[in-house]
Amino acid sequence: MKPVIGVFQAWFCIVVSVFAIVILSVIGALFQSNHHSMTGSMDDPEHPKAVAATVFSAVIIYALFLVGCGFQAYLHFRENRKGAIRIS
């Protein structure tokens, strides 16, 4: 199998996905626990559990991106181990 995206794009996607998963997981956990920093003012959402579910669905999407881009990076790594000549 040949990679579809470039090696730089694959690694950039991995880094962004990991960062997004960590940050969104913390934000979702704060909404899930009804933490006062997320739900303590008048402008905050009325249903923090629904917001947490939406944020966690974004975490799942970023996890799928992480798996897909990780597979692309693996394909690049495997292609380079074979000694194939790359034309960029």
C-alpha atoms as a PDB file:
ATOM      1  CA  MET A   1       0.000   0.000   0.000  1.00  0.00           C
ATOM      2  CA  LYS A   2       1.227   3.489  -0.783  1.00  0.00           C
ATOM      3  CA  PRO A   3       0.675   6.526   1.430  1.00  0.00           C
ATOM      4  CA  VAL A   4      -1.917   9.032   0.273  1.00  0.00           C
ATOM      5  CA  ILE A   5      -0.594  12.110   2.073  1.00  0.00           C
ATOM      6  CA  GLY A   6       2.955  13.353   2.559  1.00  0.00           C
ATOM      7  CA  VAL A   7       5.121  12.495   5.528  1.00  0.00           C
ATOM      8  CA  PHE A   8       5.096  16.072   6.874  1.00  0.00           C
ATOM      9  CA  GLN A   9       1.311  16.274   6.664  1.00  0.00           C
ATOM     10  CA  ALA A  10       0.957  12.911   8.416  1.00  0.00           C
ATOM     11  CA  TRP A  11       3.171  13.923  11.336  1.00  0.00           C
ATOM     12  CA  PHE A  12       1.552  17.367  11.569  1.00  0.00           C
ATOM     13  CA  CYS A  13      -1.861  15.692  11.748  1.00  0.00           C
ATOM     14  CA  ILE A  14      -0.590  13.370  14.499  1.00  0.00           C
ATOM     15  CA  VAL A  15       0.710  16.266  16.588  1.00  0.00           C
ATOM     16  CA  VAL A  16      -2.453  18.347  16.154  1.00  0.00           C
ATOM     17  CA  SER A  17      -4.675  15.346  16.928  1.00  0.00           C
ATOM     18  CA  VAL A  18      -2.829  14.476  20.129  1.00  0.00           C
ATOM     19  CA  PHE A  19      -2.961  18.106  21.268  1.00  0.00           C
ATOM     20  CA  ALA A  20      -6.685  18.343  20.473  1.00  0.00           C
ATOM     21  CA  ILE A  21      -7.471  15.068  22.240  1.00  0.00           C
ATOM     22  CA  VAL A  22      -5.720  16.210  25.421  1.00  0.00           C
ATOM     23  CA  ILE A  23      -7.204  19.713  25.480  1.00  0.00           C
ATOM     24  CA  LEU A  24     -10.743  18.666  24.522  1.00  0.00           C
ATOM     25  CA  SER A  25     -10.715  15.811  27.039  1.00  0.00           C
ATOM     26  CA  VAL A  26      -9.913  18.269  29.823  1.00  0.00           C
ATOM     27  CA  ILE A  27     -12.614  20.682  28.652  1.00  0.00           C
ATOM     28  CA  GLY A  28     -15.160  17.861  28.356  1.00  0.00           C
ATOM     29  CA  ALA A  29     -14.283  16.558  31.811  1.00  0.00           C
ATOM     30  CA  LEU A  30     -14.749  20.031  33.284  1.00  0.00           C
ATOM     31  CA  PHE A  31     -18.189  20.349  31.700  1.00  0.00           C
ATOM     32  CA  GLN A  32     -19.097  16.791  32.738  1.00  0.00           C
ATOM     33  CA  SER A  33     -18.244  17.487  36.376  1.00  0.00           C
ATOM     34  CA  ASN A  34     -20.107  20.825  36.320  1.00  0.00           C
ATOM     35  CA  HIS A  35     -16.912  22.638  37.333  1.00  0.00           C
ATOM     36  CA  HIS A  36     -17.460  26.258  38.339  1.00  0.00           C
ATOM     37  CA  SER A  37     -14.836  27.528  35.860  1.00  0.00           C
ATOM     38  CA  MET A  38     -17.012  26.303  32.985  1.00  0.00           C
ATOM     39  CA  THR A  39     -20.506  26.735  34.387  1.00  0.00           C
ATOM     40  CA  GLY A  40     -20.182  29.522  36.932  1.00  0.00           C
ATOM     41  CA  SER A  41     -21.400  32.589  35.060  1.00  0.00           C
ATOM     42  CA  MET A  42     -24.611  33.762  33.420  1.00  0.00           C
ATOM     43  CA  ASP A  43     -23.292  33.306  29.855  1.00  0.00           C
ATOM     44  CA  ASP A  44     -22.499  29.608  30.237  1.00  0.00           C
ATOM     45  CA  PRO A  45     -24.635  26.831  28.718  1.00  0.00           C
ATOM     46  CA  GLU A  46     -27.744  25.607  30.508  1.00  0.00           C
ATOM     47  CA  HIS A  47     -26.997  21.915  29.879  1.00  0.00           C
ATOM     48  CA  PRO A  48     -23.311  21.240  30.588  1.00  0.00           C
ATOM     49  CA  LYS A  49     -23.764  17.461  30.202  1.00  0.00           C
ATOM     50  CA  ALA A  50     -24.908  17.947  26.604  1.00  0.00           C
ATOM     51  CA  VAL A  51     -21.933  20.201  25.933  1.00  0.00           C
ATOM     52  CA  ALA A  52     -19.637  17.557  27.421  1.00  0.00           C
ATOM     53  CA  ALA A  53     -21.129  14.895  25.145  1.00  0.00           C
ATOM     54  CA  THR A  54     -20.526  17.117  22.115  1.00  0.00           C
ATOM     55  CA  VAL A  55     -16.936  17.790  23.153  1.00  0.00           C
ATOM     56  CA  PHE A  56     -16.319  14.072  23.703  1.00  0.00           C
ATOM     57  CA  SER A  57     -17.687  13.332  20.228  1.00  0.00           C
ATOM     58  CA  ALA A  58     -15.060  15.756  18.881  1.00  0.00           C
ATOM     59  CA  VAL A  59     -12.450  13.788  20.854  1.00  0.00           C
ATOM     60  CA  ILE A  60     -13.584  10.616  19.088  1.00  0.00           C
ATOM     61  CA  ILE A  61     -13.268  12.310  15.701  1.00  0.00           C
ATOM     62  CA  TYR A  62      -9.735  13.478  16.525  1.00  0.00           C
ATOM     63  CA  ALA A  63      -8.887   9.949  17.687  1.00  0.00           C
ATOM     64  CA  LEU A  64      -9.983   8.670  14.277  1.00  0.00           C
ATOM     65  CA  PHE A  65      -7.766  11.311  12.645  1.00  0.00           C
ATOM     66  CA  LEU A  66      -4.914  10.125  14.858  1.00  0.00           C
ATOM     67  CA  VAL A  67      -5.362   6.522  13.763  1.00  0.00           C
ATOM     68  CA  GLY A  68      -5.595   7.456  10.082  1.00  0.00           C
ATOM     69  CA  CYS A  69      -2.595   9.768  10.119  1.00  0.00           C
ATOM     70  CA  GLY A  70      -0.629   7.314  12.211  1.00  0.00           C
ATOM     71  CA  PHE A  71      -1.273   4.677   9.571  1.00  0.00           C
ATOM     72  CA  GLN A  72      -0.071   7.073   6.866  1.00  0.00           C
ATOM     73  CA  ALA A  73       3.111   7.794   8.858  1.00  0.00           C
ATOM     74  CA  TYR A  74       3.634   4.043   9.271  1.00  0.00           C
ATOM     75  CA  LEU A  75       3.298   3.563   5.525  1.00  0.00           C
ATOM     76  CA  HIS A  76       5.957   6.227   4.947  1.00  0.00           C
ATOM     77  CA  PHE A  77       8.231   4.564   7.485  1.00  0.00           C
ATOM     78  CA  ARG A  78       7.744   1.157   5.885  1.00  0.00           C
ATOM     79  CA  GLU A  79       8.351   2.574   2.409  1.00  0.00           C
ATOM     80  CA  ASN A  80      11.598   4.215   3.506  1.00  0.00           C
ATOM     81  CA  ARG A  81      12.879   0.996   5.093  1.00  0.00           C
ATOM     82  CA  LYS A  82      12.614  -0.819   1.773  1.00  0.00           C
ATOM     83  CA  GLY A  83      15.106   1.568   0.206  1.00  0.00           C
ATOM     84  CA  ALA A  84      12.636   2.806  -2.368  1.00  0.00           C
ATOM     85  CA  ILE A  85      13.604   5.912  -4.295  1.00  0.00           C
ATOM     86  CA  ARG A  86      11.201   8.746  -3.638  1.00  0.00           C
ATOM     87  CA  ILE A  87      10.421  11.405  -6.177  1.00  0.00           C
ATOM     88  CA  SER A  88       8.974  14.351  -4.306  1.00  0.00           C
END
